[in-house]
Amino acid sequence: MNATVSLDSVWNLVQSLSSDNQKWLADKIYENIRHAPKKKELVFPHIPKNMNISPEVLDLVADRLPVEIDIEKETDKMWEEWAK
């Protein structure tokens, strides 16, 4: 059975335990944390500085924005849309 309990309720319960029981619980929590699987760190491949990029890939990359676009106005509009 899975039940949802607020952390405040858990804290109140832990505070009502005796010191020995609190120590036992803390030891169990530390043991659980120690044996938990560790997250793998993301490793990105190293791309050499002198690597030639194909024209097809370069065509996929956006260059500069057209001159007639007002960046400030577009940013303000974006924030207004996000605020809705």
C-alpha atoms as a PDB file:
ATOM      1  CA  MET A   1       0.000   0.000   0.000  1.00  0.00           C
ATOM      2  CA  ASN A   2       1.369   3.404  -0.987  1.00  0.00           C
ATOM      3  CA  ALA A   3       0.388   6.367   1.150  1.00  0.00           C
ATOM      4  CA  THR A   4       1.224  10.040   0.873  1.00  0.00           C
ATOM      5  CA  VAL A   5       2.314  11.795   4.043  1.00  0.00           C
ATOM      6  CA  SER A   6       3.515  15.379   4.374  1.00  0.00           C
ATOM      7  CA  LEU A   7       7.068  15.977   5.538  1.00  0.00           C
ATOM      8  CA  ASP A   8       5.714  18.020   8.438  1.00  0.00           C
ATOM      9  CA  SER A   9       3.804  14.968   9.640  1.00  0.00           C
ATOM     10  CA  VAL A  10       6.908  12.809   9.308  1.00  0.00           C
ATOM     11  CA  TRP A  11       8.967  15.383  11.213  1.00  0.00           C
ATOM     12  CA  ASN A  12       6.408  15.517  14.013  1.00  0.00           C
ATOM     13  CA  LEU A  13       6.455  11.739  14.217  1.00  0.00           C
ATOM     14  CA  VAL A  14      10.285  11.644  14.347  1.00  0.00           C
ATOM     15  CA  GLN A  15      10.335  14.253  17.105  1.00  0.00           C
ATOM     16  CA  SER A  16       7.989  12.116  19.187  1.00  0.00           C
ATOM     17  CA  LEU A  17      10.426   9.157  19.083  1.00  0.00           C
ATOM     18  CA  SER A  18      12.967   8.446  21.803  1.00  0.00           C
ATOM     19  CA  SER A  19      16.614   9.359  21.193  1.00  0.00           C
ATOM     20  CA  ASP A  20      17.529   5.712  20.614  1.00  0.00           C
ATOM     21  CA  ASN A  21      14.779   5.305  18.039  1.00  0.00           C
ATOM     22  CA  GLN A  22      15.771   8.555  16.309  1.00  0.00           C
ATOM     23  CA  LYS A  23      19.386   7.338  16.110  1.00  0.00           C
ATOM     24  CA  TRP A  24      18.243   3.972  14.717  1.00  0.00           C
ATOM     25  CA  LEU A  25      16.118   5.734  12.098  1.00  0.00           C
ATOM     26  CA  ALA A  26      18.986   8.077  11.151  1.00  0.00           C
ATOM     27  CA  ASP A  27      21.340   5.097  10.753  1.00  0.00           C
ATOM     28  CA  LYS A  28      18.825   3.349   8.482  1.00  0.00           C
ATOM     29  CA  ILE A  29      18.393   6.495   6.377  1.00  0.00           C
ATOM     30  CA  TYR A  30      22.171   6.947   6.002  1.00  0.00           C
ATOM     31  CA  GLU A  31      22.545   3.280   5.095  1.00  0.00           C
ATOM     32  CA  ASN A  32      19.832   3.626   2.460  1.00  0.00           C
ATOM     33  CA  ILE A  33      21.492   6.728   0.998  1.00  0.00           C
ATOM     34  CA  ARG A  34      24.902   5.060   0.929  1.00  0.00           C
ATOM     35  CA  HIS A  35      23.561   2.095  -1.071  1.00  0.00           C
ATOM     36  CA  ALA A  36      21.445   4.159  -3.443  1.00  0.00           C
ATOM     37  CA  PRO A  37      22.620   4.089  -7.064  1.00  0.00           C
ATOM     38  CA  LYS A  38      24.579   7.182  -7.981  1.00  0.00           C
ATOM     39  CA  LYS A  39      23.559   9.267 -10.955  1.00  0.00           C
ATOM     40  CA  LYS A  40      25.890   9.081 -13.897  1.00  0.00           C
ATOM     41  CA  GLU A  41      27.569  12.317 -14.878  1.00  0.00           C
ATOM     42  CA  LEU A  42      26.940  13.446 -18.432  1.00  0.00           C
ATOM     43  CA  VAL A  43      30.082  13.372 -20.533  1.00  0.00           C
ATOM     44  CA  PHE A  44      30.053  15.304 -23.757  1.00  0.00           C
ATOM     45  CA  PRO A  45      32.380  14.325 -26.585  1.00  0.00           C
ATOM     46  CA  HIS A  46      35.332  16.582 -27.277  1.00  0.00           C
ATOM     47  CA  ILE A  47      35.065  18.283 -30.644  1.00  0.00           C
ATOM     48  CA  PRO A  48      38.439  19.355 -32.038  1.00  0.00           C
ATOM     49  CA  LYS A  49      38.812  23.026 -32.931  1.00  0.00           C
ATOM     50  CA  ASN A  50      40.079  22.223 -36.422  1.00  0.00           C
ATOM     51  CA  MET A  51      37.160  19.925 -37.295  1.00  0.00           C
ATOM     52  CA  ASN A  52      35.629  20.690 -40.679  1.00  0.00           C
ATOM     53  CA  ILE A  53      31.850  21.025 -40.496  1.00  0.00           C
ATOM     54  CA  SER A  54      29.905  19.884 -43.546  1.00  0.00           C
ATOM     55  CA  PRO A  55      27.931  22.439 -45.557  1.00  0.00           C
ATOM     56  CA  GLU A  56      24.731  20.487 -44.821  1.00  0.00           C
ATOM     57  CA  VAL A  57      25.214  21.010 -41.086  1.00  0.00           C
ATOM     58  CA  LEU A  58      26.108  24.666 -41.571  1.00  0.00           C
ATOM     59  CA  ASP A  59      22.850  25.122 -43.509  1.00  0.00           C
ATOM     60  CA  LEU A  60      20.926  23.866 -40.450  1.00  0.00           C
ATOM     61  CA  VAL A  61      22.434  26.502 -38.160  1.00  0.00           C
ATOM     62  CA  ALA A  62      20.645  29.849 -37.992  1.00  0.00           C
ATOM     63  CA  ASP A  63      22.781  32.822 -38.886  1.00  0.00           C
ATOM     64  CA  ARG A  64      21.869  36.371 -37.950  1.00  0.00           C
ATOM     65  CA  LEU A  65      18.314  37.597 -37.472  1.00  0.00           C
ATOM     66  CA  PRO A  66      16.873  39.839 -40.166  1.00  0.00           C
ATOM     67  CA  VAL A  67      17.496  43.522 -39.513  1.00  0.00           C
ATOM     68  CA  GLU A  68      13.788  44.431 -39.428  1.00  0.00           C
ATOM     69  CA  ILE A  69      13.079  42.266 -36.333  1.00  0.00           C
ATOM     70  CA  ASP A  70      12.885  44.246 -33.083  1.00  0.00           C
ATOM     71  CA  ILE A  71      14.406  41.917 -30.475  1.00  0.00           C
ATOM     72  CA  GLU A  72      13.165  43.966 -27.499  1.00  0.00           C
ATOM     73  CA  LYS A  73       9.581  43.955 -28.808  1.00  0.00           C
ATOM     74  CA  GLU A  74       9.678  40.214 -29.522  1.00  0.00           C
ATOM     75  CA  THR A  75      11.100  39.497 -26.051  1.00  0.00           C
ATOM     76  CA  ASP A  76       8.381  41.579 -24.389  1.00  0.00           C
ATOM     77  CA  LYS A  77       5.731  39.772 -26.440  1.00  0.00           C
ATOM     78  CA  MET A  78       7.196  36.397 -25.426  1.00  0.00           C
ATOM     79  CA  TRP A  79       7.073  37.291 -21.707  1.00  0.00           C
ATOM     80  CA  GLU A  80       3.470  38.481 -22.046  1.00  0.00           C
ATOM     81  CA  GLU A  81       2.481  35.196 -23.696  1.00  0.00           C
ATOM     82  CA  TRP A  82       4.242  33.186 -20.958  1.00  0.00           C
ATOM     83  CA  ALA A  83       2.473  35.214 -18.263  1.00  0.00           C
ATOM     84  CA  LYS A  84      -0.967  34.178 -19.555  1.00  0.00           C
END
